Amino acid sequence: MKIRLTLALCIAVIAVLVSLGGWTDPLEGGAAVLFAGLATVIAWLVGRVAIPKLTWISISATIALAVATIAMIPIDGTDGVEGSTVAMALPLQFWIGLWSYRVGSVAVIAGAVFYVVKIVEAQRRGKIA
């Protein structure tokens, strides 16, 4: 029992480290959030410690925000007005989506840390919650 919780703790710590990569941007960060979610599920399968709602909600919402933000990128190949940068040519909705995604990625990091704390508490009690 204790070995399973220790292994689950190691996997959950990996999920925290991977979730830190979610801060970058919706494309690469979205993949990091997805991988952190998969690692969290694997930790649950190994340790059988219930995953907190904060973790599930933040991962689901952030992946949805990443997909929505990526979908807002213009695909027409133009980069806006002559002499402007690509960043200036992107619509306001994209920037709102980008910053919303970043807030969501912070929530994913918090949820992953919260799950690690929950596993540690279960390990100290010696039973599975």
C-alpha atoms as a PDB file:
ATOM      1  CA  MET A   1       0.000   0.000   0.000  1.00  0.00           C
ATOM      2  CA  LYS A   2       2.748   2.443   0.939  1.00  0.00           C
ATOM      3  CA  ILE A   3       4.731   1.584  -2.191  1.00  0.00           C
ATOM      4  CA  ARG A   4       1.704   2.369  -4.362  1.00  0.00           C
ATOM      5  CA  LEU A   5       1.248   5.744  -2.693  1.00  0.00           C
ATOM      6  CA  THR A   6       4.957   6.534  -3.051  1.00  0.00           C
ATOM      7  CA  LEU A   7       4.829   5.675  -6.742  1.00  0.00           C
ATOM      8  CA  ALA A   8       1.657   7.754  -7.150  1.00  0.00           C
ATOM      9  CA  LEU A   9       3.409  10.633  -5.393  1.00  0.00           C
ATOM     10  CA  CYS A  10       6.348  10.433  -7.799  1.00  0.00           C
ATOM     11  CA  ILE A  11       4.008  10.470 -10.801  1.00  0.00           C
ATOM     12  CA  ALA A  12       2.044  13.385  -9.328  1.00  0.00           C
ATOM     13  CA  VAL A  13       5.263  15.359  -8.815  1.00  0.00           C
ATOM     14  CA  ILE A  14       6.108  14.721 -12.475  1.00  0.00           C
ATOM     15  CA  ALA A  15       2.642  16.066 -13.337  1.00  0.00           C
ATOM     16  CA  VAL A  16       3.425  19.242 -11.366  1.00  0.00           C
ATOM     17  CA  LEU A  17       6.728  19.707 -13.182  1.00  0.00           C
ATOM     18  CA  VAL A  18       5.106  19.135 -16.560  1.00  0.00           C
ATOM     19  CA  SER A  19       2.245  21.495 -15.726  1.00  0.00           C
ATOM     20  CA  LEU A  20       4.811  24.264 -15.277  1.00  0.00           C
ATOM     21  CA  GLY A  21       5.398  24.006 -19.025  1.00  0.00           C
ATOM     22  CA  GLY A  22       1.766  24.919 -19.569  1.00  0.00           C
ATOM     23  CA  TRP A  23       2.548  28.575 -18.952  1.00  0.00           C
ATOM     24  CA  THR A  24       4.309  29.035 -22.318  1.00  0.00           C
ATOM     25  CA  ASP A  25       1.508  29.291 -24.860  1.00  0.00           C
ATOM     26  CA  PRO A  26      -1.653  27.425 -25.881  1.00  0.00           C
ATOM     27  CA  LEU A  27       0.060  25.195 -28.447  1.00  0.00           C
ATOM     28  CA  GLU A  28       3.031  23.739 -26.570  1.00  0.00           C
ATOM     29  CA  GLY A  29       1.538  24.563 -23.190  1.00  0.00           C
ATOM     30  CA  GLY A  30      -1.713  22.864 -24.116  1.00  0.00           C
ATOM     31  CA  ALA A  31       0.236  19.694 -24.823  1.00  0.00           C
ATOM     32  CA  ALA A  32       1.945  20.053 -21.437  1.00  0.00           C
ATOM     33  CA  VAL A  33      -1.427  20.488 -19.705  1.00  0.00           C
ATOM     34  CA  LEU A  34      -2.767  17.426 -21.517  1.00  0.00           C
ATOM     35  CA  PHE A  35       0.281  15.394 -20.466  1.00  0.00           C
ATOM     36  CA  ALA A  36      -0.078  16.634 -16.871  1.00  0.00           C
ATOM     37  CA  GLY A  37      -3.702  15.470 -16.957  1.00  0.00           C
ATOM     38  CA  LEU A  38      -2.657  12.044 -18.214  1.00  0.00           C
ATOM     39  CA  ALA A  39       0.021  11.794 -15.526  1.00  0.00           C
ATOM     40  CA  THR A  40      -2.597  12.718 -12.915  1.00  0.00           C
ATOM     41  CA  VAL A  41      -4.881   9.941 -14.143  1.00  0.00           C
ATOM     42  CA  ILE A  42      -1.982   7.471 -14.009  1.00  0.00           C
ATOM     43  CA  ALA A  43      -1.204   8.612 -10.449  1.00  0.00           C
ATOM     44  CA  TRP A  44      -4.842   8.015  -9.545  1.00  0.00           C
ATOM     45  CA  LEU A  45      -4.774   4.537 -11.112  1.00  0.00           C
ATOM     46  CA  VAL A  46      -1.666   3.640  -9.123  1.00  0.00           C
ATOM     47  CA  GLY A  47      -2.455   5.236  -5.764  1.00  0.00           C
ATOM     48  CA  ARG A  48      -6.275   5.294  -5.787  1.00  0.00           C
ATOM     49  CA  VAL A  49      -6.330   8.696  -4.083  1.00  0.00           C
ATOM     50  CA  ALA A  50      -9.305  10.722  -5.278  1.00  0.00           C
ATOM     51  CA  ILE A  51      -8.426  13.545  -7.655  1.00  0.00           C
ATOM     52  CA  PRO A  52      -9.653  16.927  -6.367  1.00  0.00           C
ATOM     53  CA  LYS A  53     -12.286  18.801  -8.362  1.00  0.00           C
ATOM     54  CA  LEU A  54      -9.939  21.769  -8.706  1.00  0.00           C
ATOM     55  CA  THR A  55      -7.546  19.588 -10.660  1.00  0.00           C
ATOM     56  CA  TRP A  56     -10.155  18.169 -13.046  1.00  0.00           C
ATOM     57  CA  ILE A  57     -11.928  21.440 -13.661  1.00  0.00           C
ATOM     58  CA  SER A  58      -8.728  23.399 -14.255  1.00  0.00           C
ATOM     59  CA  ILE A  59      -7.288  20.811 -16.652  1.00  0.00           C
ATOM     60  CA  SER A  60     -10.530  20.534 -18.651  1.00  0.00           C
ATOM     61  CA  ALA A  61     -11.103  24.285 -18.821  1.00  0.00           C
ATOM     62  CA  THR A  62      -7.501  25.057 -19.761  1.00  0.00           C
ATOM     63  CA  ILE A  63      -7.455  22.495 -22.558  1.00  0.00           C
ATOM     64  CA  ALA A  64     -10.708  23.983 -23.884  1.00  0.00           C
ATOM     65  CA  LEU A  65      -9.207  27.480 -23.681  1.00  0.00           C
ATOM     66  CA  ALA A  66      -6.088  26.303 -25.521  1.00  0.00           C
ATOM     67  CA  VAL A  67      -8.169  24.832 -28.343  1.00  0.00           C
ATOM     68  CA  ALA A  68     -10.338  27.956 -28.569  1.00  0.00           C
ATOM     69  CA  THR A  69      -7.321  30.273 -28.573  1.00  0.00           C
ATOM     70  CA  ILE A  70      -5.529  28.299 -31.258  1.00  0.00           C
ATOM     71  CA  ALA A  71      -8.716  28.318 -33.345  1.00  0.00           C
ATOM     72  CA  MET A  72      -8.716  32.135 -33.267  1.00  0.00           C
ATOM     73  CA  ILE A  73      -5.356  32.467 -35.017  1.00  0.00           C
ATOM     74  CA  PRO A  74      -5.857  33.844 -38.520  1.00  0.00           C
ATOM     75  CA  ILE A  75      -4.907  31.294 -41.151  1.00  0.00           C
ATOM     76  CA  ASP A  76      -4.968  33.532 -44.216  1.00  0.00           C
ATOM     77  CA  GLY A  77      -1.166  33.946 -44.252  1.00  0.00           C
ATOM     78  CA  THR A  78      -1.144  37.722 -44.020  1.00  0.00           C
ATOM     79  CA  ASP A  79       0.583  39.454 -41.187  1.00  0.00           C
ATOM     80  CA  GLY A  80      -1.446  42.636 -41.099  1.00  0.00           C
ATOM     81  CA  VAL A  81      -0.563  46.122 -42.262  1.00  0.00           C
ATOM     82  CA  GLU A  82       2.721  46.734 -44.073  1.00  0.00           C
ATOM     83  CA  GLY A  83       5.472  47.231 -41.522  1.00  0.00           C
ATOM     84  CA  SER A  84       3.504  45.863 -38.599  1.00  0.00           C
ATOM     85  CA  THR A  85       4.409  42.800 -36.629  1.00  0.00           C
ATOM     86  CA  VAL A  86       2.350  39.626 -36.497  1.00  0.00           C
ATOM     87  CA  ALA A  87       1.611  40.250 -32.828  1.00  0.00           C
ATOM     88  CA  MET A  88      -0.066  43.539 -33.651  1.00  0.00           C
ATOM     89  CA  ALA A  89      -2.195  41.951 -36.372  1.00  0.00           C
ATOM     90  CA  LEU A  90      -3.800  39.349 -34.132  1.00  0.00           C
ATOM     91  CA  PRO A  91      -7.366  40.105 -33.036  1.00  0.00           C
ATOM     92  CA  LEU A  92      -8.218  41.259 -29.524  1.00  0.00           C
ATOM     93  CA  GLN A  93     -10.159  38.034 -28.908  1.00  0.00           C
ATOM     94  CA  PHE A  94      -6.925  36.091 -29.377  1.00  0.00           C
ATOM     95  CA  TRP A  95      -5.151  38.142 -26.719  1.00  0.00           C
ATOM     96  CA  ILE A  96      -8.059  37.719 -24.333  1.00  0.00           C
ATOM     97  CA  GLY A  97      -7.977  33.974 -24.991  1.00  0.00           C
ATOM     98  CA  LEU A  98      -4.213  33.876 -24.503  1.00  0.00           C
ATOM     99  CA  TRP A  99      -4.324  35.564 -21.119  1.00  0.00           C
ATOM    100  CA  SER A 100      -7.337  33.510 -20.078  1.00  0.00           C
ATOM    101  CA  TYR A 101      -5.339  30.407 -21.008  1.00  0.00           C
ATOM    102  CA  ARG A 102      -2.437  31.596 -18.876  1.00  0.00           C
ATOM    103  CA  VAL A 103      -4.735  32.093 -15.888  1.00  0.00           C
ATOM    104  CA  GLY A 104      -6.053  28.581 -16.490  1.00  0.00           C
ATOM    105  CA  SER A 105      -2.539  27.177 -16.634  1.00  0.00           C
ATOM    106  CA  VAL A 106      -1.810  28.689 -13.219  1.00  0.00           C
ATOM    107  CA  ALA A 107      -4.950  26.923 -11.961  1.00  0.00           C
ATOM    108  CA  VAL A 108      -3.624  23.650 -13.438  1.00  0.00           C
ATOM    109  CA  ILE A 109      -0.350  24.121 -11.564  1.00  0.00           C
ATOM    110  CA  ALA A 110      -2.282  24.806  -8.347  1.00  0.00           C
ATOM    111  CA  GLY A 111      -4.485  21.755  -8.904  1.00  0.00           C
ATOM    112  CA  ALA A 112      -1.478  19.523  -9.518  1.00  0.00           C
ATOM    113  CA  VAL A 113       0.206  20.768  -6.344  1.00  0.00           C
ATOM    114  CA  PHE A 114      -3.044  20.271  -4.428  1.00  0.00           C
ATOM    115  CA  TYR A 115      -3.166  16.658  -5.623  1.00  0.00           C
ATOM    116  CA  VAL A 116       0.407  16.077  -4.450  1.00  0.00           C
ATOM    117  CA  VAL A 117      -0.565  17.415  -1.023  1.00  0.00           C
ATOM    118  CA  LYS A 118      -3.587  15.105  -0.966  1.00  0.00           C
ATOM    119  CA  ILE A 119      -1.403  12.074  -1.762  1.00  0.00           C
ATOM    120  CA  VAL A 120       1.065  13.044   0.977  1.00  0.00           C
ATOM    121  CA  GLU A 121      -1.799  13.335   3.477  1.00  0.00           C
ATOM    122  CA  ALA A 122      -3.091   9.894   2.476  1.00  0.00           C
ATOM    123  CA  GLN A 123       0.404   8.482   2.828  1.00  0.00           C
ATOM    124  CA  ARG A 124       0.788   9.939   6.325  1.00  0.00           C
ATOM    125  CA  ARG A 125      -2.557   8.522   7.418  1.00  0.00           C
ATOM    126  CA  GLY A 126      -1.608   5.171   5.995  1.00  0.00           C
ATOM    127  CA  LYS A 127      -4.866   4.722   4.162  1.00  0.00           C
ATOM    128  CA  ILE A 128      -6.340   5.589   0.826  1.00  0.00           C
ATOM    129  CA  ALA A 129      -8.828   8.451   0.717  1.00  0.00           C
END
